mmCIF file of all heavy atoms, coordinates in Angstrom:
data_MODEL
# 
_entry.id   MODEL 
# 
loop_
_atom_site.group_PDB 
_atom_site.id 
_atom_site.type_symbol 
_atom_site.label_atom_id 
_atom_site.label_alt_id 
_atom_site.label_comp_id 
_atom_site.label_asym_id 
_atom_site.label_entity_id 
_atom_site.label_seq_id 
_atom_site.pdbx_PDB_ins_code 
_atom_site.Cartn_x 
_atom_site.Cartn_y 
_atom_site.Cartn_z 
_atom_site.occupancy 
_atom_site.B_iso_or_equiv 
_atom_site.pdbx_formal_charge 
_atom_site.auth_seq_id 
_atom_site.auth_comp_id 
_atom_site.auth_asym_id 
_atom_site.auth_atom_id 
_atom_site.pdbx_PDB_model_num 
ATOM 1   N N   . THR A 1 1  ? -2.838 10.455  16.350  1.00 0.00 ? 1  THR A N   1 
ATOM 2   C CA  . THR A 1 1  ? -2.972 11.757  15.763  1.00 0.00 ? 1  THR A CA  1 
ATOM 3   C C   . THR A 1 1  ? -2.615 11.661  14.204  1.00 0.00 ? 1  THR A C   1 
ATOM 4   O O   . THR A 1 1  ? -1.949 10.732  13.852  1.00 0.00 ? 1  THR A O   1 
ATOM 5   C CB  . THR A 1 1  ? -2.198 12.877  16.363  1.00 0.00 ? 1  THR A CB  1 
ATOM 6   O OG1 . THR A 1 1  ? -0.820 12.592  16.074  1.00 0.00 ? 1  THR A OG1 1 
ATOM 7   C CG2 . THR A 1 1  ? -2.376 12.956  17.903  1.00 0.00 ? 1  THR A CG2 1 
ATOM 8   N N   . ARG A 1 2  ? -2.994 12.732  13.492  1.00 0.00 ? 2  ARG A N   1 
ATOM 9   C CA  . ARG A 1 2  ? -2.614 12.767  12.082  1.00 0.00 ? 2  ARG A CA  1 
ATOM 10  C C   . ARG A 1 2  ? -1.080 12.753  11.976  1.00 0.00 ? 2  ARG A C   1 
ATOM 11  O O   . ARG A 1 2  ? -0.496 12.056  11.144  1.00 0.00 ? 2  ARG A O   1 
ATOM 12  C CB  . ARG A 1 2  ? -3.201 13.970  11.361  1.00 0.00 ? 2  ARG A CB  1 
ATOM 13  C CG  . ARG A 1 2  ? -2.854 14.112  10.007  1.00 0.00 ? 2  ARG A CG  1 
ATOM 14  C CD  . ARG A 1 2  ? -3.416 15.408  9.420   1.00 0.00 ? 2  ARG A CD  1 
ATOM 15  N NE  . ARG A 1 2  ? -4.896 15.177  9.610   1.00 0.00 ? 2  ARG A NE  1 
ATOM 16  C CZ  . ARG A 1 2  ? -5.710 15.429  8.498   1.00 0.00 ? 2  ARG A CZ  1 
ATOM 17  N NH1 . ARG A 1 2  ? -5.296 15.609  7.310   1.00 0.00 ? 2  ARG A NH1 1 
ATOM 18  N NH2 . ARG A 1 2  ? -7.084 15.180  8.791   1.00 0.00 ? 2  ARG A NH2 1 
ATOM 19  N N   . ARG A 1 3  ? -0.365 13.514  12.738  1.00 0.00 ? 3  ARG A N   1 
ATOM 20  C CA  . ARG A 1 3  ? 1.091  13.549  12.855  1.00 0.00 ? 3  ARG A CA  1 
ATOM 21  C C   . ARG A 1 3  ? 1.690  12.194  13.058  1.00 0.00 ? 3  ARG A C   1 
ATOM 22  O O   . ARG A 1 3  ? 2.660  11.636  12.408  1.00 0.00 ? 3  ARG A O   1 
ATOM 23  C CB  . ARG A 1 3  ? 1.622  14.533  13.771  1.00 0.00 ? 3  ARG A CB  1 
ATOM 24  C CG  . ARG A 1 3  ? 3.167  14.654  13.881  1.00 0.00 ? 3  ARG A CG  1 
ATOM 25  C CD  . ARG A 1 3  ? 3.662  15.698  14.869  1.00 0.00 ? 3  ARG A CD  1 
ATOM 26  N NE  . ARG A 1 3  ? 3.376  17.076  14.573  1.00 0.00 ? 3  ARG A NE  1 
ATOM 27  C CZ  . ARG A 1 3  ? 4.195  17.660  13.641  1.00 0.00 ? 3  ARG A CZ  1 
ATOM 28  N NH1 . ARG A 1 3  ? 5.118  17.039  12.966  1.00 0.00 ? 3  ARG A NH1 1 
ATOM 29  N NH2 . ARG A 1 3  ? 3.975  18.849  13.360  1.00 0.00 ? 3  ARG A NH2 1 
ATOM 30  N N   . GLN A 1 4  ? 1.098  11.463  14.089  1.00 0.00 ? 4  GLN A N   1 
ATOM 31  C CA  . GLN A 1 4  ? 1.704  10.105  14.433  1.00 0.00 ? 4  GLN A CA  1 
ATOM 32  C C   . GLN A 1 4  ? 1.468  9.115   13.167  1.00 0.00 ? 4  GLN A C   1 
ATOM 33  O O   . GLN A 1 4  ? 2.353  8.235   13.008  1.00 0.00 ? 4  GLN A O   1 
ATOM 34  C CB  . GLN A 1 4  ? 0.881  9.595   15.677  1.00 0.00 ? 4  GLN A CB  1 
ATOM 35  C CG  . GLN A 1 4  ? 1.319  10.300  16.977  1.00 0.00 ? 4  GLN A CG  1 
ATOM 36  C CD  . GLN A 1 4  ? 0.451  9.924   18.093  1.00 0.00 ? 4  GLN A CD  1 
ATOM 37  O OE1 . GLN A 1 4  ? -0.685 9.817   18.024  1.00 0.00 ? 4  GLN A OE1 1 
ATOM 38  N NE2 . GLN A 1 4  ? 1.083  9.734   19.246  1.00 0.00 ? 4  GLN A NE2 1 
ATOM 39  N N   . LEU A 1 5  ? 0.278  9.339   12.554  1.00 0.00 ? 5  LEU A N   1 
ATOM 40  C CA  . LEU A 1 5  ? -0.025 8.394   11.399  1.00 0.00 ? 5  LEU A CA  1 
ATOM 41  C C   . LEU A 1 5  ? 1.121  8.755   10.344  1.00 0.00 ? 5  LEU A C   1 
ATOM 42  O O   . LEU A 1 5  ? 1.622  7.775   9.748   1.00 0.00 ? 5  LEU A O   1 
ATOM 43  C CB  . LEU A 1 5  ? -1.350 8.633   10.868  1.00 0.00 ? 5  LEU A CB  1 
ATOM 44  C CG  . LEU A 1 5  ? -1.748 7.939   9.637   1.00 0.00 ? 5  LEU A CG  1 
ATOM 45  C CD1 . LEU A 1 5  ? -1.761 6.378   9.830   1.00 0.00 ? 5  LEU A CD1 1 
ATOM 46  C CD2 . LEU A 1 5  ? -3.139 8.299   9.073   1.00 0.00 ? 5  LEU A CD2 1 
ATOM 47  N N   . ALA A 1 6  ? 1.221  9.972   9.963   1.00 0.00 ? 6  ALA A N   1 
ATOM 48  C CA  . ALA A 1 6  ? 2.191  10.358  8.974   1.00 0.00 ? 6  ALA A CA  1 
ATOM 49  C C   . ALA A 1 6  ? 3.696  9.934   9.270   1.00 0.00 ? 6  ALA A C   1 
ATOM 50  O O   . ALA A 1 6  ? 4.389  9.441   8.356   1.00 0.00 ? 6  ALA A O   1 
ATOM 51  C CB  . ALA A 1 6  ? 2.120  11.945  8.706   1.00 0.00 ? 6  ALA A CB  1 
ATOM 52  N N   . VAL A 1 7  ? 4.113  10.210  10.511  1.00 0.00 ? 7  VAL A N   1 
ATOM 53  C CA  . VAL A 1 7  ? 5.402  9.669   10.915  1.00 0.00 ? 7  VAL A CA  1 
ATOM 54  C C   . VAL A 1 7  ? 5.678  8.173   10.827  1.00 0.00 ? 7  VAL A C   1 
ATOM 55  O O   . VAL A 1 7  ? 6.488  7.595   10.362  1.00 0.00 ? 7  VAL A O   1 
ATOM 56  C CB  . VAL A 1 7  ? 5.777  10.185  12.288  1.00 0.00 ? 7  VAL A CB  1 
ATOM 57  C CG1 . VAL A 1 7  ? 7.125  9.537   12.845  1.00 0.00 ? 7  VAL A CG1 1 
ATOM 58  C CG2 . VAL A 1 7  ? 5.938  11.643  12.300  1.00 0.00 ? 7  VAL A CG2 1 
ATOM 59  N N   . SER A 1 8  ? 4.548  7.410   11.275  1.00 0.00 ? 8  SER A N   1 
ATOM 60  C CA  . SER A 1 8  ? 4.583  6.003   11.212  1.00 0.00 ? 8  SER A CA  1 
ATOM 61  C C   . SER A 1 8  ? 4.556  5.393   9.821   1.00 0.00 ? 8  SER A C   1 
ATOM 62  O O   . SER A 1 8  ? 5.406  4.493   9.435   1.00 0.00 ? 8  SER A O   1 
ATOM 63  C CB  . SER A 1 8  ? 3.293  5.504   11.983  1.00 0.00 ? 8  SER A CB  1 
ATOM 64  O OG  . SER A 1 8  ? 3.358  5.746   13.318  1.00 0.00 ? 8  SER A OG  1 
ATOM 65  N N   . LEU A 1 9  ? 3.825  5.990   8.910   1.00 0.00 ? 9  LEU A N   1 
ATOM 66  C CA  . LEU A 1 9  ? 3.890  5.647   7.466   1.00 0.00 ? 9  LEU A CA  1 
ATOM 67  C C   . LEU A 1 9  ? 5.209  5.945   6.835   1.00 0.00 ? 9  LEU A C   1 
ATOM 68  O O   . LEU A 1 9  ? 5.697  5.115   6.170   1.00 0.00 ? 9  LEU A O   1 
ATOM 69  C CB  . LEU A 1 9  ? 2.671  6.263   6.742   1.00 0.00 ? 9  LEU A CB  1 
ATOM 70  C CG  . LEU A 1 9  ? 1.312  5.763   7.073   1.00 0.00 ? 9  LEU A CG  1 
ATOM 71  C CD1 . LEU A 1 9  ? 0.290  6.658   6.349   1.00 0.00 ? 9  LEU A CD1 1 
ATOM 72  C CD2 . LEU A 1 9  ? 1.118  4.322   6.808   1.00 0.00 ? 9  LEU A CD2 1 
ATOM 73  N N   . ALA A 1 10 ? 5.721  7.209   7.171   1.00 0.00 ? 10 ALA A N   1 
ATOM 74  C CA  . ALA A 1 10 ? 7.135  7.470   6.636   1.00 0.00 ? 10 ALA A CA  1 
ATOM 75  C C   . ALA A 1 10 ? 8.202  6.492   7.047   1.00 0.00 ? 10 ALA A C   1 
ATOM 76  O O   . ALA A 1 10 ? 8.991  6.132   6.377   1.00 0.00 ? 10 ALA A O   1 
ATOM 77  C CB  . ALA A 1 10 ? 7.383  8.927   6.965   1.00 0.00 ? 10 ALA A CB  1 
ATOM 78  N N   . THR A 1 11 ? 8.070  6.070   8.433   1.00 0.00 ? 11 THR A N   1 
ATOM 79  C CA  . THR A 1 11 ? 9.016  5.193   8.964   1.00 0.00 ? 11 THR A CA  1 
ATOM 80  C C   . THR A 1 11 ? 8.868  3.824   8.338   1.00 0.00 ? 11 THR A C   1 
ATOM 81  O O   . THR A 1 11 ? 9.892  3.066   8.006   1.00 0.00 ? 11 THR A O   1 
ATOM 82  C CB  . THR A 1 11 ? 8.770  5.005   10.422  1.00 0.00 ? 11 THR A CB  1 
ATOM 83  O OG1 . THR A 1 11 ? 8.900  6.356   11.064  1.00 0.00 ? 11 THR A OG1 1 
ATOM 84  C CG2 . THR A 1 11 ? 9.823  4.086   11.095  1.00 0.00 ? 11 THR A CG2 1 
ATOM 85  N N   . LEU A 1 12 ? 7.676  3.341   7.972   1.00 0.00 ? 12 LEU A N   1 
ATOM 86  C CA  . LEU A 1 12 ? 7.393  2.024   7.331   1.00 0.00 ? 12 LEU A CA  1 
ATOM 87  C C   . LEU A 1 12 ? 8.062  2.124   5.910   1.00 0.00 ? 12 LEU A C   1 
ATOM 88  O O   . LEU A 1 12 ? 8.716  1.079   5.565   1.00 0.00 ? 12 LEU A O   1 
ATOM 89  C CB  . LEU A 1 12 ? 5.979  1.786   7.150   1.00 0.00 ? 12 LEU A CB  1 
ATOM 90  C CG  . LEU A 1 12 ? 5.181  1.110   8.259   1.00 0.00 ? 12 LEU A CG  1 
ATOM 91  C CD1 . LEU A 1 12 ? 3.739  0.929   7.940   1.00 0.00 ? 12 LEU A CD1 1 
ATOM 92  C CD2 . LEU A 1 12 ? 5.764  -0.325  8.467   1.00 0.00 ? 12 LEU A CD2 1 
ATOM 93  N N   . VAL A 1 13 ? 7.832  3.199   5.145   1.00 0.00 ? 13 VAL A N   1 
ATOM 94  C CA  . VAL A 1 13 ? 8.360  3.275   3.823   1.00 0.00 ? 13 VAL A CA  1 
ATOM 95  C C   . VAL A 1 13 ? 9.930  3.376   3.887   1.00 0.00 ? 13 VAL A C   1 
ATOM 96  O O   . VAL A 1 13 ? 10.611 2.643   3.121   1.00 0.00 ? 13 VAL A O   1 
ATOM 97  C CB  . VAL A 1 13 ? 7.874  4.584   3.140   1.00 0.00 ? 13 VAL A CB  1 
ATOM 98  C CG1 . VAL A 1 13 ? 8.554  4.912   1.770   1.00 0.00 ? 13 VAL A CG1 1 
ATOM 99  C CG2 . VAL A 1 13 ? 6.468  4.526   2.883   1.00 0.00 ? 13 VAL A CG2 1 
ATOM 100 N N   . ALA A 1 14 ? 10.460 4.040   4.740   1.00 0.00 ? 14 ALA A N   1 
ATOM 101 C CA  . ALA A 1 14 ? 12.018 4.181   4.925   1.00 0.00 ? 14 ALA A CA  1 
ATOM 102 C C   . ALA A 1 14 ? 12.535 2.722   5.238   1.00 0.00 ? 14 ALA A C   1 
ATOM 103 O O   . ALA A 1 14 ? 13.469 2.357   4.697   1.00 0.00 ? 14 ALA A O   1 
ATOM 104 C CB  . ALA A 1 14 ? 12.341 5.133   6.062   1.00 0.00 ? 14 ALA A CB  1 
ATOM 105 N N   . ALA A 1 15 ? 11.878 2.080   6.047   1.00 0.00 ? 15 ALA A N   1 
ATOM 106 C CA  . ALA A 1 15 ? 12.332 0.685   6.578   1.00 0.00 ? 15 ALA A CA  1 
ATOM 107 C C   . ALA A 1 15 ? 12.210 -0.239  5.432   1.00 0.00 ? 15 ALA A C   1 
ATOM 108 O O   . ALA A 1 15 ? 13.114 -1.083  5.175   1.00 0.00 ? 15 ALA A O   1 
ATOM 109 C CB  . ALA A 1 15 ? 11.608 0.205   7.812   1.00 0.00 ? 15 ALA A CB  1 
ATOM 110 N N   . ALA A 1 16 ? 11.239 -0.174  4.627   1.00 0.00 ? 16 ALA A N   1 
ATOM 111 C CA  . ALA A 1 16 ? 11.066 -1.091  3.468   1.00 0.00 ? 16 ALA A CA  1 
ATOM 112 C C   . ALA A 1 16 ? 12.106 -0.804  2.386   1.00 0.00 ? 16 ALA A C   1 
ATOM 113 O O   . ALA A 1 16 ? 12.676 -1.694  1.734   1.00 0.00 ? 16 ALA A O   1 
ATOM 114 C CB  . ALA A 1 16 ? 9.655  -0.949  2.828   1.00 0.00 ? 16 ALA A CB  1 
ATOM 115 N N   . GLN A 1 17 ? 12.507 0.444   2.182   1.00 0.00 ? 17 GLN A N   1 
ATOM 116 C CA  . GLN A 1 17 ? 13.473 0.805   1.213   1.00 0.00 ? 17 GLN A CA  1 
ATOM 117 C C   . GLN A 1 17 ? 14.874 0.431   1.662   1.00 0.00 ? 17 GLN A C   1 
ATOM 118 O O   . GLN A 1 17 ? 15.769 0.129   0.866   1.00 0.00 ? 17 GLN A O   1 
ATOM 119 C CB  . GLN A 1 17 ? 13.286 2.327   0.973   1.00 0.00 ? 17 GLN A CB  1 
ATOM 120 C CG  . GLN A 1 17 ? 12.192 2.809   0.137   1.00 0.00 ? 17 GLN A CG  1 
ATOM 121 C CD  . GLN A 1 17 ? 12.036 4.279   -0.094  1.00 0.00 ? 17 GLN A CD  1 
ATOM 122 O OE1 . GLN A 1 17 ? 12.691 5.139   0.689   1.00 0.00 ? 17 GLN A OE1 1 
ATOM 123 N NE2 . GLN A 1 17 ? 11.301 4.596   -0.974  1.00 0.00 ? 17 GLN A NE2 1 
ATOM 124 N N   . ALA A 1 18 ? 15.074 0.508   3.028   1.00 0.00 ? 18 ALA A N   1 
ATOM 125 C CA  . ALA A 1 18 ? 16.394 0.042   3.504   1.00 0.00 ? 18 ALA A CA  1 
ATOM 126 C C   . ALA A 1 18 ? 16.613 -1.385  3.654   1.00 0.00 ? 18 ALA A C   1 
ATOM 127 O O   . ALA A 1 18 ? 17.787 -1.810  3.714   1.00 0.00 ? 18 ALA A O   1 
ATOM 128 C CB  . ALA A 1 18 ? 16.604 0.878   4.933   1.00 0.00 ? 18 ALA A CB  1 
ATOM 129 N N   . ALA A 1 19 ? 15.474 -2.089  3.715   1.00 0.00 ? 19 ALA A N   1 
ATOM 130 C CA  . ALA A 1 19 ? 15.693 -3.572  4.012   1.00 0.00 ? 19 ALA A CA  1 
ATOM 131 C C   . ALA A 1 19 ? 16.305 -4.194  2.744   1.00 0.00 ? 19 ALA A C   1 
ATOM 132 O O   . ALA A 1 19 ? 16.071 -3.866  1.701   1.00 0.00 ? 19 ALA A O   1 
ATOM 133 C CB  . ALA A 1 19 ? 14.270 -4.171  4.147   1.00 0.00 ? 19 ALA A CB  1 
ATOM 134 N N   . PRO A 1 20 ? 17.299 -5.139  3.027   1.00 0.00 ? 20 PRO A N   1 
ATOM 135 C CA  . PRO A 1 20 ? 17.923 -5.814  1.924   1.00 0.00 ? 20 PRO A CA  1 
ATOM 136 C C   . PRO A 1 20 ? 16.931 -6.585  1.113   1.00 0.00 ? 20 PRO A C   1 
ATOM 137 O O   . PRO A 1 20 ? 16.056 -7.263  1.696   1.00 0.00 ? 20 PRO A O   1 
ATOM 138 C CB  . PRO A 1 20 ? 18.936 -6.692  2.728   1.00 0.00 ? 20 PRO A CB  1 
ATOM 139 C CG  . PRO A 1 20 ? 18.471 -6.832  4.026   1.00 0.00 ? 20 PRO A CG  1 
ATOM 140 C CD  . PRO A 1 20 ? 17.659 -5.699  4.339   1.00 0.00 ? 20 PRO A CD  1 
ATOM 141 N N   . LYS A 1 21 ? 17.017 -6.478  -0.055  1.00 0.00 ? 21 LYS A N   1 
ATOM 142 C CA  . LYS A 1 21 ? 16.134 -7.138  -1.018  1.00 0.00 ? 21 LYS A CA  1 
ATOM 143 C C   . LYS A 1 21 ? 16.767 -8.347  -1.564  1.00 0.00 ? 21 LYS A C   1 
ATOM 144 O O   . LYS A 1 21 ? 18.027 -8.405  -1.790  1.00 0.00 ? 21 LYS A O   1 
ATOM 145 C CB  . LYS A 1 21 ? 15.724 -6.308  -2.169  1.00 0.00 ? 21 LYS A CB  1 
ATOM 146 C CG  . LYS A 1 21 ? 15.042 -5.029  -1.737  1.00 0.00 ? 21 LYS A CG  1 
ATOM 147 C CD  . LYS A 1 21 ? 14.065 -4.441  -2.666  1.00 0.00 ? 21 LYS A CD  1 
ATOM 148 C CE  . LYS A 1 21 ? 13.450 -3.199  -2.329  1.00 0.00 ? 21 LYS A CE  1 
ATOM 149 N NZ  . LYS A 1 21 ? 13.315 -2.708  -1.026  1.00 0.00 ? 21 LYS A NZ  1 
ATOM 150 N N   . GLU A 1 22 ? 16.074 -9.463  -1.750  1.00 0.00 ? 22 GLU A N   1 
ATOM 151 C CA  . GLU A 1 22 ? 16.692 -10.751 -2.225  1.00 0.00 ? 22 GLU A CA  1 
ATOM 152 C C   . GLU A 1 22 ? 17.063 -10.468 -3.695  1.00 0.00 ? 22 GLU A C   1 
ATOM 153 O O   . GLU A 1 22 ? 16.243 -10.085 -4.436  1.00 0.00 ? 22 GLU A O   1 
ATOM 154 C CB  . GLU A 1 22 ? 15.737 -11.850 -2.254  1.00 0.00 ? 22 GLU A CB  1 
ATOM 155 C CG  . GLU A 1 22 ? 16.561 -13.173 -2.750  1.00 0.00 ? 22 GLU A CG  1 
ATOM 156 C CD  . GLU A 1 22 ? 15.649 -14.320 -2.610  1.00 0.00 ? 22 GLU A CD  1 
ATOM 157 O OE1 . GLU A 1 22 ? 14.732 -14.436 -1.701  1.00 0.00 ? 22 GLU A OE1 1 
ATOM 158 O OE2 . GLU A 1 22 ? 15.794 -15.374 -3.364  1.00 0.00 ? 22 GLU A OE2 1 
ATOM 159 N N   . LYS A 1 23 ? 18.363 -10.510 -3.919  1.00 0.00 ? 23 LYS A N   1 
ATOM 160 C CA  . LYS A 1 23 ? 18.958 -10.194 -5.155  1.00 0.00 ? 23 LYS A CA  1 
ATOM 161 C C   . LYS A 1 23 ? 18.892 -11.402 -6.188  1.00 0.00 ? 23 LYS A C   1 
ATOM 162 O O   . LYS A 1 23 ? 18.993 -12.649 -5.634  1.00 0.00 ? 23 LYS A O   1 
ATOM 163 C CB  . LYS A 1 23 ? 20.400 -9.769  -5.002  1.00 0.00 ? 23 LYS A CB  1 
ATOM 164 C CG  . LYS A 1 23 ? 21.019 -9.357  -6.186  1.00 0.00 ? 23 LYS A CG  1 
ATOM 165 C CD  . LYS A 1 23 ? 22.420 -8.846  -5.930  1.00 0.00 ? 23 LYS A CD  1 
ATOM 166 C CE  . LYS A 1 23 ? 23.169 -8.466  -7.272  1.00 0.00 ? 23 LYS A CE  1 
ATOM 167 N NZ  . LYS A 1 23 ? 24.484 -8.170  -6.968  1.00 0.00 ? 23 LYS A NZ  1 
ATOM 168 N N   . GLY A 1 24 ? 18.578 -11.103 -7.364  1.00 0.00 ? 24 GLY A N   1 
ATOM 169 C CA  . GLY A 1 24 ? 18.633 -12.194 -8.332  1.00 0.00 ? 24 GLY A CA  1 
ATOM 170 C C   . GLY A 1 24 ? 20.003 -12.547 -8.765  1.00 0.00 ? 24 GLY A C   1 
ATOM 171 O O   . GLY A 1 24 ? 20.996 -12.691 -7.815  1.00 0.00 ? 24 GLY A O   1 
ATOM 172 N N   . LEU A 1 25 ? 20.461 -12.769 -9.861  1.00 0.00 ? 25 LEU A N   1 
ATOM 173 C CA  . LEU A 1 25 ? 21.795 -13.168 -10.364 1.00 0.00 ? 25 LEU A CA  1 
ATOM 174 C C   . LEU A 1 25 ? 22.242 -11.786 -11.126 1.00 0.00 ? 25 LEU A C   1 
ATOM 175 O O   . LEU A 1 25 ? 21.553 -11.049 -11.600 1.00 0.00 ? 25 LEU A O   1 
ATOM 176 C CB  . LEU A 1 25 ? 21.666 -14.278 -11.337 1.00 0.00 ? 25 LEU A CB  1 
ATOM 177 C CG  . LEU A 1 25 ? 21.048 -15.515 -10.716 1.00 0.00 ? 25 LEU A CG  1 
ATOM 178 C CD1 . LEU A 1 25 ? 20.897 -16.628 -11.884 1.00 0.00 ? 25 LEU A CD1 1 
ATOM 179 C CD2 . LEU A 1 25 ? 21.876 -16.109 -9.575  1.00 0.00 ? 25 LEU A CD2 1 
ATOM 180 N N   . GLN A 1 26 ? 23.531 -11.600 -11.021 1.00 0.00 ? 26 GLN A N   1 
ATOM 181 C CA  . GLN A 1 26 ? 24.243 -10.436 -11.740 1.00 0.00 ? 26 GLN A CA  1 
ATOM 182 C C   . GLN A 1 26 ? 24.807 -10.997 -12.986 1.00 0.00 ? 26 GLN A C   1 
ATOM 183 O O   . GLN A 1 26 ? 25.817 -11.589 -13.110 1.00 0.00 ? 26 GLN A O   1 
ATOM 184 C CB  . GLN A 1 26 ? 25.408 -9.963  -10.796 1.00 0.00 ? 26 GLN A CB  1 
ATOM 185 C CG  . GLN A 1 26 ? 26.028 -8.847  -11.319 1.00 0.00 ? 26 GLN A CG  1 
ATOM 186 C CD  . GLN A 1 26 ? 25.076 -7.544  -11.585 1.00 0.00 ? 26 GLN A CD  1 
ATOM 187 O OE1 . GLN A 1 26 ? 24.410 -7.252  -10.588 1.00 0.00 ? 26 GLN A OE1 1 
ATOM 188 N NE2 . GLN A 1 26 ? 25.057 -7.033  -12.700 1.00 0.00 ? 26 GLN A NE2 1 
ATOM 189 N N   . ALA A 1 27 ? 24.052 -10.530 -14.155 1.00 0.00 ? 27 ALA A N   1 
ATOM 190 C CA  . ALA A 1 27 ? 24.463 -10.832 -15.474 1.00 0.00 ? 27 ALA A CA  1 
ATOM 191 C C   . ALA A 1 27 ? 25.548 -9.842  -15.838 1.00 0.00 ? 27 ALA A C   1 
ATOM 192 O O   . ALA A 1 27 ? 25.483 -8.664  -15.560 1.00 0.00 ? 27 ALA A O   1 
ATOM 193 C CB  . ALA A 1 27 ? 23.370 -10.695 -16.468 1.00 0.00 ? 27 ALA A CB  1 
ATOM 194 N N   . VAL A 1 28 ? 26.835 -10.326 -16.274 1.00 0.00 ? 28 VAL A N   1 
ATOM 195 C CA  . VAL A 1 28 ? 27.909 -9.474  -16.531 1.00 0.00 ? 28 VAL A CA  1 
ATOM 196 C C   . VAL A 1 28 ? 28.298 -9.458  -18.106 1.00 0.00 ? 28 VAL A C   1 
ATOM 197 O O   . VAL A 1 28 ? 29.073 -8.649  -18.545 1.00 0.00 ? 28 VAL A O   1 
ATOM 198 C CB  . VAL A 1 28 ? 29.121 -9.757  -15.682 1.00 0.00 ? 28 VAL A CB  1 
ATOM 199 C CG1 . VAL A 1 28 ? 28.924 -9.457  -14.262 1.00 0.00 ? 28 VAL A CG1 1 
ATOM 200 C CG2 . VAL A 1 28 ? 29.613 -11.279 -15.855 1.00 0.00 ? 28 VAL A CG2 1 
# 
């Protein structure tokens, strides 16, 4: 359904934002 699609896409976006990203180096 449209609702299932919207919830699934929102879940994908939230998971992508929460996933740890490979960090570069920390210049200080």
